[in-house]
Amino acid sequence: MKAFVITLGVFFIPLAAAAAEADAGRFQLEKSGDHFIRLDRQSGAMSICQDKDGALVCRMAADERAAYEDELDRLAKRVTALEQGNVAQRALPSDAEVDRSISIMERMMKSFMGMVKEFQAEENTNPLPQKT
């Protein structure tokens, strides 16, 4: 069992290191005065970071924050509308629509069953040769 665990560890350690290396190149930090600008190279998002008590604390840039707040407001309005039932409710079909749909399905099934009967009749008149 120990050998199995060691083998798994040896296999997964390089994978974890490769994942960390790929993520390390994702962000770029640039010093600007007493703070840093962090650029996310994948999404293009920018953050303003400051050193507070030895930790780098980042917050979104003002224009990104406004877009974020607008999206939150839009989603909150949508949730409220859905909760209140303002979304158009689908009405049940009328009896005439149901009858028409059933009639179409009946015709389709009769046509299909007719084709099945034709194939069965052909098979009975022209049976395949026995190969056994």
N, C-alpha and C. Protein backbone atom coordinates (compact mmCIF):
# COMPACT_ATOMS: atom_id res chain seq x y z
N MET A 1 0.83 -1.19 0.00
CA MET A 1 0.00 0.00 0.00
C MET A 1 0.88 1.26 0.00
N LYS A 2 2.00 1.21 0.77
CA LYS A 2 2.91 2.36 0.81
C LYS A 2 3.48 2.64 -0.57
N ALA A 3 3.81 1.57 -1.29
CA ALA A 3 4.39 1.74 -2.62
C ALA A 3 3.39 2.43 -3.54
N PHE A 4 2.11 2.08 -3.42
CA PHE A 4 1.07 2.69 -4.24
C PHE A 4 0.96 4.18 -3.96
N VAL A 5 0.95 4.56 -2.68
CA VAL A 5 0.85 5.96 -2.29
C VAL A 5 2.07 6.73 -2.77
N ILE A 6 3.25 6.15 -2.63
CA ILE A 6 4.47 6.82 -3.07
C ILE A 6 4.45 7.01 -4.58
N THR A 7 4.00 5.99 -5.30
CA THR A 7 3.91 6.08 -6.76
C THR A 7 2.97 7.19 -7.18
N LEU A 8 1.81 7.27 -6.53
CA LEU A 8 0.87 8.35 -6.83
C LEU A 8 1.48 9.71 -6.53
N GLY A 9 2.18 9.83 -5.40
CA GLY A 9 2.80 11.09 -5.04
C GLY A 9 3.84 11.52 -6.06
N VAL A 10 4.66 10.56 -6.51
CA VAL A 10 5.69 10.87 -7.50
C VAL A 10 5.04 11.31 -8.81
N PHE A 11 3.89 10.74 -9.14
CA PHE A 11 3.20 11.08 -10.39
C PHE A 11 2.54 12.45 -10.32
N PHE A 12 1.91 12.78 -9.18
CA PHE A 12 1.13 14.01 -9.08
C PHE A 12 1.95 15.25 -8.71
N ILE A 13 3.10 15.12 -8.11
CA ILE A 13 3.91 16.29 -7.73
C ILE A 13 4.32 17.10 -8.96
N PRO A 14 4.82 16.47 -10.04
CA PRO A 14 5.15 17.28 -11.23
C PRO A 14 3.93 17.95 -11.85
N LEU A 15 2.76 17.30 -11.79
CA LEU A 15 1.55 17.92 -12.33
C LEU A 15 1.17 19.17 -11.55
N ALA A 16 1.29 19.12 -10.24
CA ALA A 16 0.97 20.28 -9.41
C ALA A 16 1.95 21.42 -9.68
N ALA A 17 3.22 21.09 -9.86
CA ALA A 17 4.23 22.12 -10.15
C ALA A 17 3.95 22.77 -11.50
N ALA A 18 3.58 21.98 -12.49
CA ALA A 18 3.27 22.53 -13.82
C ALA A 18 2.07 23.45 -13.76
N ALA A 19 1.06 23.07 -12.98
CA ALA A 19 -0.13 23.91 -12.86
C ALA A 19 0.21 25.24 -12.18
N ALA A 20 1.08 25.20 -11.17
CA ALA A 20 1.48 26.42 -10.48
C ALA A 20 2.28 27.33 -11.41
N GLU A 21 3.13 26.74 -12.25
CA GLU A 21 3.91 27.55 -13.19
C GLU A 21 3.01 28.23 -14.20
N ALA A 22 2.00 27.52 -14.71
CA ALA A 22 1.10 28.10 -15.69
C ALA A 22 0.31 29.25 -15.08
N ASP A 23 -0.08 29.12 -13.81
CA ASP A 23 -0.85 30.15 -13.14
C ASP A 23 0.04 31.34 -12.76
N ALA A 24 1.33 31.11 -12.57
CA ALA A 24 2.24 32.18 -12.16
C ALA A 24 2.36 33.24 -13.26
N GLY A 25 2.27 32.86 -14.51
CA GLY A 25 2.38 33.81 -15.61
C GLY A 25 1.08 34.51 -15.94
N ARG A 26 0.04 34.23 -15.21
CA ARG A 26 -1.26 34.81 -15.51
C ARG A 26 -1.33 36.29 -15.14
N PHE A 27 -0.70 36.68 -14.04
CA PHE A 27 -0.79 38.06 -13.56
C PHE A 27 0.52 38.80 -13.77
N GLN A 28 0.41 40.09 -13.99
CA GLN A 28 1.57 40.95 -14.14
C GLN A 28 1.41 42.12 -13.17
N LEU A 29 2.43 42.37 -12.35
CA LEU A 29 2.40 43.47 -11.39
C LEU A 29 3.33 44.58 -11.85
N GLU A 30 2.84 45.81 -11.77
CA GLU A 30 3.64 46.99 -12.11
C GLU A 30 3.51 47.99 -10.97
N LYS A 31 4.65 48.52 -10.51
CA LYS A 31 4.62 49.51 -9.42
C LYS A 31 4.23 50.86 -9.99
N SER A 32 3.33 51.53 -9.30
CA SER A 32 2.88 52.86 -9.71
C SER A 32 2.75 53.70 -8.44
N GLY A 33 3.78 54.46 -8.14
CA GLY A 33 3.76 55.27 -6.92
C GLY A 33 3.88 54.39 -5.69
N ASP A 34 2.91 54.53 -4.76
CA ASP A 34 2.95 53.73 -3.54
C ASP A 34 2.07 52.49 -3.64
N HIS A 35 1.55 52.20 -4.81
CA HIS A 35 0.72 51.01 -4.98
C HIS A 35 1.14 50.25 -6.24
N PHE A 36 0.51 49.10 -6.46
CA PHE A 36 0.79 48.27 -7.62
C PHE A 36 -0.46 48.14 -8.48
N ILE A 37 -0.24 47.95 -9.77
CA ILE A 37 -1.34 47.65 -10.69
C ILE A 37 -1.17 46.19 -11.09
N ARG A 38 -2.21 45.39 -10.89
CA ARG A 38 -2.17 43.97 -11.25
C ARG A 38 -3.03 43.75 -12.49
N LEU A 39 -2.43 43.17 -13.53
CA LEU A 39 -3.13 42.88 -14.77
C LEU A 39 -3.32 41.38 -14.88
N ASP A 40 -4.55 40.96 -15.08
CA ASP A 40 -4.86 39.55 -15.33
C ASP A 40 -4.73 39.34 -16.84
N ARG A 41 -3.75 38.59 -17.26
CA ARG A 41 -3.49 38.42 -18.69
C ARG A 41 -4.54 37.59 -19.40
N GLN A 42 -5.31 36.81 -18.66
CA GLN A 42 -6.36 36.00 -19.30
C GLN A 42 -7.62 36.80 -19.54
N SER A 43 -8.06 37.53 -18.52
CA SER A 43 -9.34 38.25 -18.64
C SER A 43 -9.16 39.72 -18.97
N GLY A 44 -7.96 40.27 -18.76
CA GLY A 44 -7.73 41.69 -19.01
C GLY A 44 -8.15 42.58 -17.86
N ALA A 45 -8.61 41.99 -16.76
CA ALA A 45 -9.05 42.77 -15.60
C ALA A 45 -7.85 43.40 -14.90
N MET A 46 -8.04 44.62 -14.42
CA MET A 46 -6.98 45.32 -13.70
C MET A 46 -7.43 45.58 -12.27
N SER A 47 -6.48 45.45 -11.35
CA SER A 47 -6.76 45.71 -9.94
C SER A 47 -5.69 46.62 -9.38
N ILE A 48 -6.07 47.39 -8.37
CA ILE A 48 -5.11 48.26 -7.67
C ILE A 48 -4.77 47.57 -6.36
N CYS A 49 -3.47 47.34 -6.13
CA CYS A 49 -3.02 46.61 -4.95
C CYS A 49 -2.14 47.50 -4.08
N GLN A 50 -2.25 47.32 -2.76
CA GLN A 50 -1.42 48.06 -1.81
C GLN A 50 -0.86 47.08 -0.79
N ASP A 51 0.31 47.39 -0.29
CA ASP A 51 0.95 46.57 0.73
C ASP A 51 0.41 47.00 2.09
N LYS A 52 -0.32 46.12 2.76
CA LYS A 52 -0.86 46.42 4.09
C LYS A 52 -0.40 45.34 5.05
N ASP A 53 0.43 45.72 6.00
CA ASP A 53 0.95 44.81 7.02
C ASP A 53 1.62 43.59 6.39
N GLY A 54 2.37 43.79 5.34
CA GLY A 54 3.12 42.71 4.71
C GLY A 54 2.32 41.85 3.75
N ALA A 55 1.05 42.17 3.55
CA ALA A 55 0.22 41.42 2.62
C ALA A 55 -0.22 42.35 1.49
N LEU A 56 -0.27 41.83 0.30
CA LEU A 56 -0.69 42.61 -0.86
C LEU A 56 -2.21 42.50 -0.97
N VAL A 57 -2.90 43.62 -0.76
CA VAL A 57 -4.36 43.66 -0.80
C VAL A 57 -4.79 44.35 -2.09
N CYS A 58 -5.59 43.65 -2.90
CA CYS A 58 -6.01 44.17 -4.20
C CYS A 58 -7.51 44.45 -4.21
N ARG A 59 -7.89 45.49 -4.94
CA ARG A 59 -9.31 45.79 -5.16
C ARG A 59 -9.48 46.19 -6.61
N MET A 60 -10.69 46.04 -7.11
CA MET A 60 -10.96 46.32 -8.51
C MET A 60 -10.77 47.79 -8.84
N ALA A 61 -10.41 48.05 -10.09
CA ALA A 61 -10.32 49.43 -10.56
C ALA A 61 -11.72 50.03 -10.59
N ALA A 62 -11.82 51.35 -10.57
CA ALA A 62 -13.11 52.04 -10.45
C ALA A 62 -14.06 51.70 -11.60
N ASP A 63 -13.57 51.69 -12.84
CA ASP A 63 -14.47 51.41 -13.96
C ASP A 63 -14.95 49.97 -13.95
N GLU A 64 -14.09 49.04 -13.53
CA GLU A 64 -14.51 47.65 -13.42
C GLU A 64 -15.52 47.48 -12.30
N ARG A 65 -15.32 48.20 -11.22
CA ARG A 65 -16.24 48.13 -10.08
C ARG A 65 -17.63 48.62 -10.51
N ALA A 66 -17.68 49.69 -11.30
CA ALA A 66 -18.97 50.22 -11.76
C ALA A 66 -19.67 49.21 -12.66
N ALA A 67 -18.92 48.57 -13.56
CA ALA A 67 -19.52 47.54 -14.44
C ALA A 67 -20.00 46.36 -13.61
N TYR A 68 -19.25 45.99 -12.58
CA TYR A 68 -19.63 44.90 -11.68
C TYR A 68 -20.92 45.24 -10.94
N GLU A 69 -21.00 46.46 -10.43
CA GLU A 69 -22.21 46.89 -9.72
C GLU A 69 -23.42 46.94 -10.65
N ASP A 70 -23.23 47.41 -11.89
CA ASP A 70 -24.33 47.44 -12.87
C ASP A 70 -24.85 46.04 -13.15
N GLU A 71 -23.94 45.09 -13.31
CA GLU A 71 -24.34 43.70 -13.56
C GLU A 71 -25.09 43.13 -12.35
N LEU A 72 -24.63 43.44 -11.14
CA LEU A 72 -25.34 42.98 -9.94
C LEU A 72 -26.75 43.57 -9.88
N ASP A 73 -26.90 44.85 -10.19
CA ASP A 73 -28.21 45.49 -10.18
C ASP A 73 -29.14 44.86 -11.21
N ARG A 74 -28.61 44.60 -12.42
CA ARG A 74 -29.40 43.98 -13.47
C ARG A 74 -29.89 42.59 -13.05
N LEU A 75 -28.99 41.81 -12.46
CA LEU A 75 -29.37 40.47 -12.02
C LEU A 75 -30.36 40.51 -10.86
N ALA A 76 -30.20 41.48 -9.95
CA ALA A 76 -31.13 41.61 -8.83
C ALA A 76 -32.53 41.94 -9.33
N LYS A 77 -32.63 42.82 -10.33
CA LYS A 77 -33.94 43.16 -10.91
C LYS A 77 -34.56 41.94 -11.59
N ARG A 78 -33.73 41.18 -12.26
CA ARG A 78 -34.24 39.98 -12.95
C ARG A 78 -34.76 38.95 -11.94
N VAL A 79 -34.02 38.75 -10.85
CA VAL A 79 -34.46 37.81 -9.82
C VAL A 79 -35.77 38.28 -9.20
N THR A 80 -35.88 39.58 -8.93
CA THR A 80 -37.12 40.12 -8.35
C THR A 80 -38.29 39.89 -9.28
N ALA A 81 -38.08 40.15 -10.58
CA ALA A 81 -39.16 39.95 -11.55
C ALA A 81 -39.57 38.48 -11.62
N LEU A 82 -38.60 37.58 -11.56
CA LEU A 82 -38.92 36.15 -11.59
C LEU A 82 -39.66 35.72 -10.33
N GLU A 83 -39.25 36.24 -9.19
CA GLU A 83 -39.91 35.89 -7.94
C GLU A 83 -41.34 36.40 -7.89
N GLN A 84 -41.59 37.56 -8.47
CA GLN A 84 -42.94 38.14 -8.44
C GLN A 84 -43.84 37.54 -9.50
N GLY A 85 -43.30 36.75 -10.39
CA GLY A 85 -44.12 36.12 -11.42
C GLY A 85 -44.49 37.04 -12.55
N ASN A 86 -43.69 38.08 -12.79
CA ASN A 86 -43.97 39.01 -13.88
C ASN A 86 -43.61 38.42 -15.24
N VAL A 87 -42.97 37.28 -15.23
CA VAL A 87 -42.61 36.63 -16.48
C VAL A 87 -43.89 36.07 -17.11
N ALA A 88 -44.00 36.19 -18.41
CA ALA A 88 -45.20 35.72 -19.10
C ALA A 88 -45.42 34.24 -18.84
N GLN A 89 -46.58 33.91 -18.35
CA GLN A 89 -46.93 32.52 -18.07
C GLN A 89 -47.52 31.90 -19.32
N ARG A 90 -47.15 30.66 -19.59
CA ARG A 90 -47.70 29.98 -20.76
C ARG A 90 -49.10 29.47 -20.43
N ALA A 91 -50.01 29.77 -21.34
CA ALA A 91 -51.38 29.31 -21.16
C ALA A 91 -51.50 27.87 -21.65
N LEU A 92 -52.41 27.13 -21.07
CA LEU A 92 -52.65 25.76 -21.53
C LEU A 92 -53.29 25.80 -22.91
N PRO A 93 -53.00 24.80 -23.74
CA PRO A 93 -53.62 24.78 -25.07
C PRO A 93 -55.12 24.54 -24.98
N SER A 94 -55.83 25.06 -25.96
CA SER A 94 -57.28 24.86 -25.98
C SER A 94 -57.59 23.42 -26.39
N ASP A 95 -58.87 23.03 -26.22
CA ASP A 95 -59.28 21.67 -26.60
C ASP A 95 -59.09 21.45 -28.10
N ALA A 96 -59.34 22.47 -28.90
CA ALA A 96 -59.18 22.34 -30.34
C ALA A 96 -57.72 22.08 -30.70
N GLU A 97 -56.80 22.77 -30.02
CA GLU A 97 -55.38 22.55 -30.29
C GLU A 97 -54.94 21.15 -29.87
N VAL A 98 -55.45 20.68 -28.76
CA VAL A 98 -55.13 19.32 -28.30
C VAL A 98 -55.67 18.30 -29.29
N ASP A 99 -56.92 18.46 -29.74
CA ASP A 99 -57.51 17.53 -30.70
C ASP A 99 -56.73 17.53 -32.01
N ARG A 100 -56.32 18.69 -32.47
CA ARG A 100 -55.55 18.77 -33.71
C ARG A 100 -54.21 18.05 -33.56
N SER A 101 -53.54 18.23 -32.42
CA SER A 101 -52.26 17.57 -32.17
C SER A 101 -52.42 16.05 -32.13
N ILE A 102 -53.47 15.59 -31.47
CA ILE A 102 -53.71 14.14 -31.40
C ILE A 102 -54.01 13.59 -32.79
N SER A 103 -54.77 14.33 -33.58
CA SER A 103 -55.09 13.91 -34.94
C SER A 103 -53.82 13.77 -35.78
N ILE A 104 -52.91 14.71 -35.66
CA ILE A 104 -51.64 14.65 -36.40
C ILE A 104 -50.84 13.44 -35.95
N MET A 105 -50.78 13.19 -34.65
CA MET A 105 -50.03 12.03 -34.15
C MET A 105 -50.65 10.73 -34.61
N GLU A 106 -51.99 10.64 -34.63
CA GLU A 106 -52.67 9.42 -35.09
C GLU A 106 -52.33 9.14 -36.56
N ARG A 107 -52.39 10.18 -37.41
CA ARG A 107 -52.06 9.99 -38.82
C ARG A 107 -50.61 9.52 -38.98
N MET A 108 -49.72 10.10 -38.21
CA MET A 108 -48.32 9.72 -38.29
C MET A 108 -48.13 8.26 -37.88
N MET A 109 -48.77 7.85 -36.80
CA MET A 109 -48.63 6.47 -36.33
C MET A 109 -49.26 5.49 -37.32
N LYS A 110 -50.42 5.81 -37.92
CA LYS A 110 -51.03 4.94 -38.92
C LYS A 110 -50.13 4.78 -40.14
N SER A 111 -49.52 5.88 -40.56
CA SER A 111 -48.61 5.82 -41.70
C SER A 111 -47.39 4.97 -41.36
N PHE A 112 -46.84 5.14 -40.19
CA PHE A 112 -45.68 4.35 -39.77
C PHE A 112 -46.04 2.87 -39.68
N MET A 113 -47.17 2.55 -39.07
CA MET A 113 -47.57 1.14 -38.95
C MET A 113 -47.83 0.54 -40.33
N GLY A 114 -48.33 1.34 -41.28
CA GLY A 114 -48.53 0.85 -42.64
C GLY A 114 -47.19 0.47 -43.28
N MET A 115 -46.16 1.29 -43.07
CA MET A 115 -44.83 0.97 -43.60
C MET A 115 -44.29 -0.30 -42.96
N VAL A 116 -44.50 -0.49 -41.67
CA VAL A 116 -44.03 -1.70 -40.98
C VAL A 116 -44.71 -2.92 -41.58
N LYS A 117 -46.02 -2.83 -41.83
CA LYS A 117 -46.75 -3.97 -42.40
C LYS A 117 -46.25 -4.29 -43.80
N GLU A 118 -45.93 -3.25 -44.59
CA GLU A 118 -45.38 -3.48 -45.94
C GLU A 118 -44.05 -4.21 -45.86
N PHE A 119 -43.17 -3.80 -44.95
CA PHE A 119 -41.88 -4.47 -44.81
C PHE A 119 -42.05 -5.92 -44.35
N GLN A 120 -43.00 -6.16 -43.46
CA GLN A 120 -43.25 -7.53 -43.01
C GLN A 120 -43.77 -8.38 -44.15
N ALA A 121 -44.64 -7.82 -44.98
CA ALA A 121 -45.18 -8.57 -46.12
C ALA A 121 -44.07 -8.90 -47.11
N GLU A 122 -43.17 -7.94 -47.39
CA GLU A 122 -42.04 -8.19 -48.28
C GLU A 122 -41.14 -9.27 -47.72
N GLU A 123 -40.92 -9.26 -46.43
CA GLU A 123 -40.05 -10.25 -45.80
C GLU A 123 -40.67 -11.65 -45.90
N ASN A 124 -42.00 -11.73 -45.77
CA ASN A 124 -42.66 -13.04 -45.87
C ASN A 124 -42.64 -13.57 -47.30
N THR A 125 -42.74 -12.69 -48.30
CA THR A 125 -42.74 -13.17 -49.69
C THR A 125 -41.34 -13.42 -50.21
N ASN A 126 -40.37 -12.70 -49.74
CA ASN A 126 -38.97 -12.88 -50.19
C ASN A 126 -38.08 -13.14 -48.97
N PRO A 127 -38.18 -14.33 -48.37
CA PRO A 127 -37.36 -14.57 -47.19
C PRO A 127 -35.87 -14.67 -47.55
N LEU A 128 -35.06 -14.30 -46.59
CA LEU A 128 -33.61 -14.37 -46.81
C LEU A 128 -33.18 -15.83 -46.77
N PRO A 129 -32.19 -16.22 -47.58
CA PRO A 129 -31.74 -17.62 -47.58
C PRO A 129 -31.09 -17.96 -46.25
N GLN A 130 -31.29 -19.18 -45.83
CA GLN A 130 -30.70 -19.65 -44.57
C GLN A 130 -29.24 -20.01 -44.82
N LYS A 131 -28.35 -19.49 -44.02
CA LYS A 131 -26.92 -19.71 -44.22
C LYS A 131 -26.38 -20.73 -43.22
N THR A 132 -27.22 -21.31 -42.41
CA THR A 132 -26.73 -22.26 -41.42
C THR A 132 -26.90 -23.67 -41.86
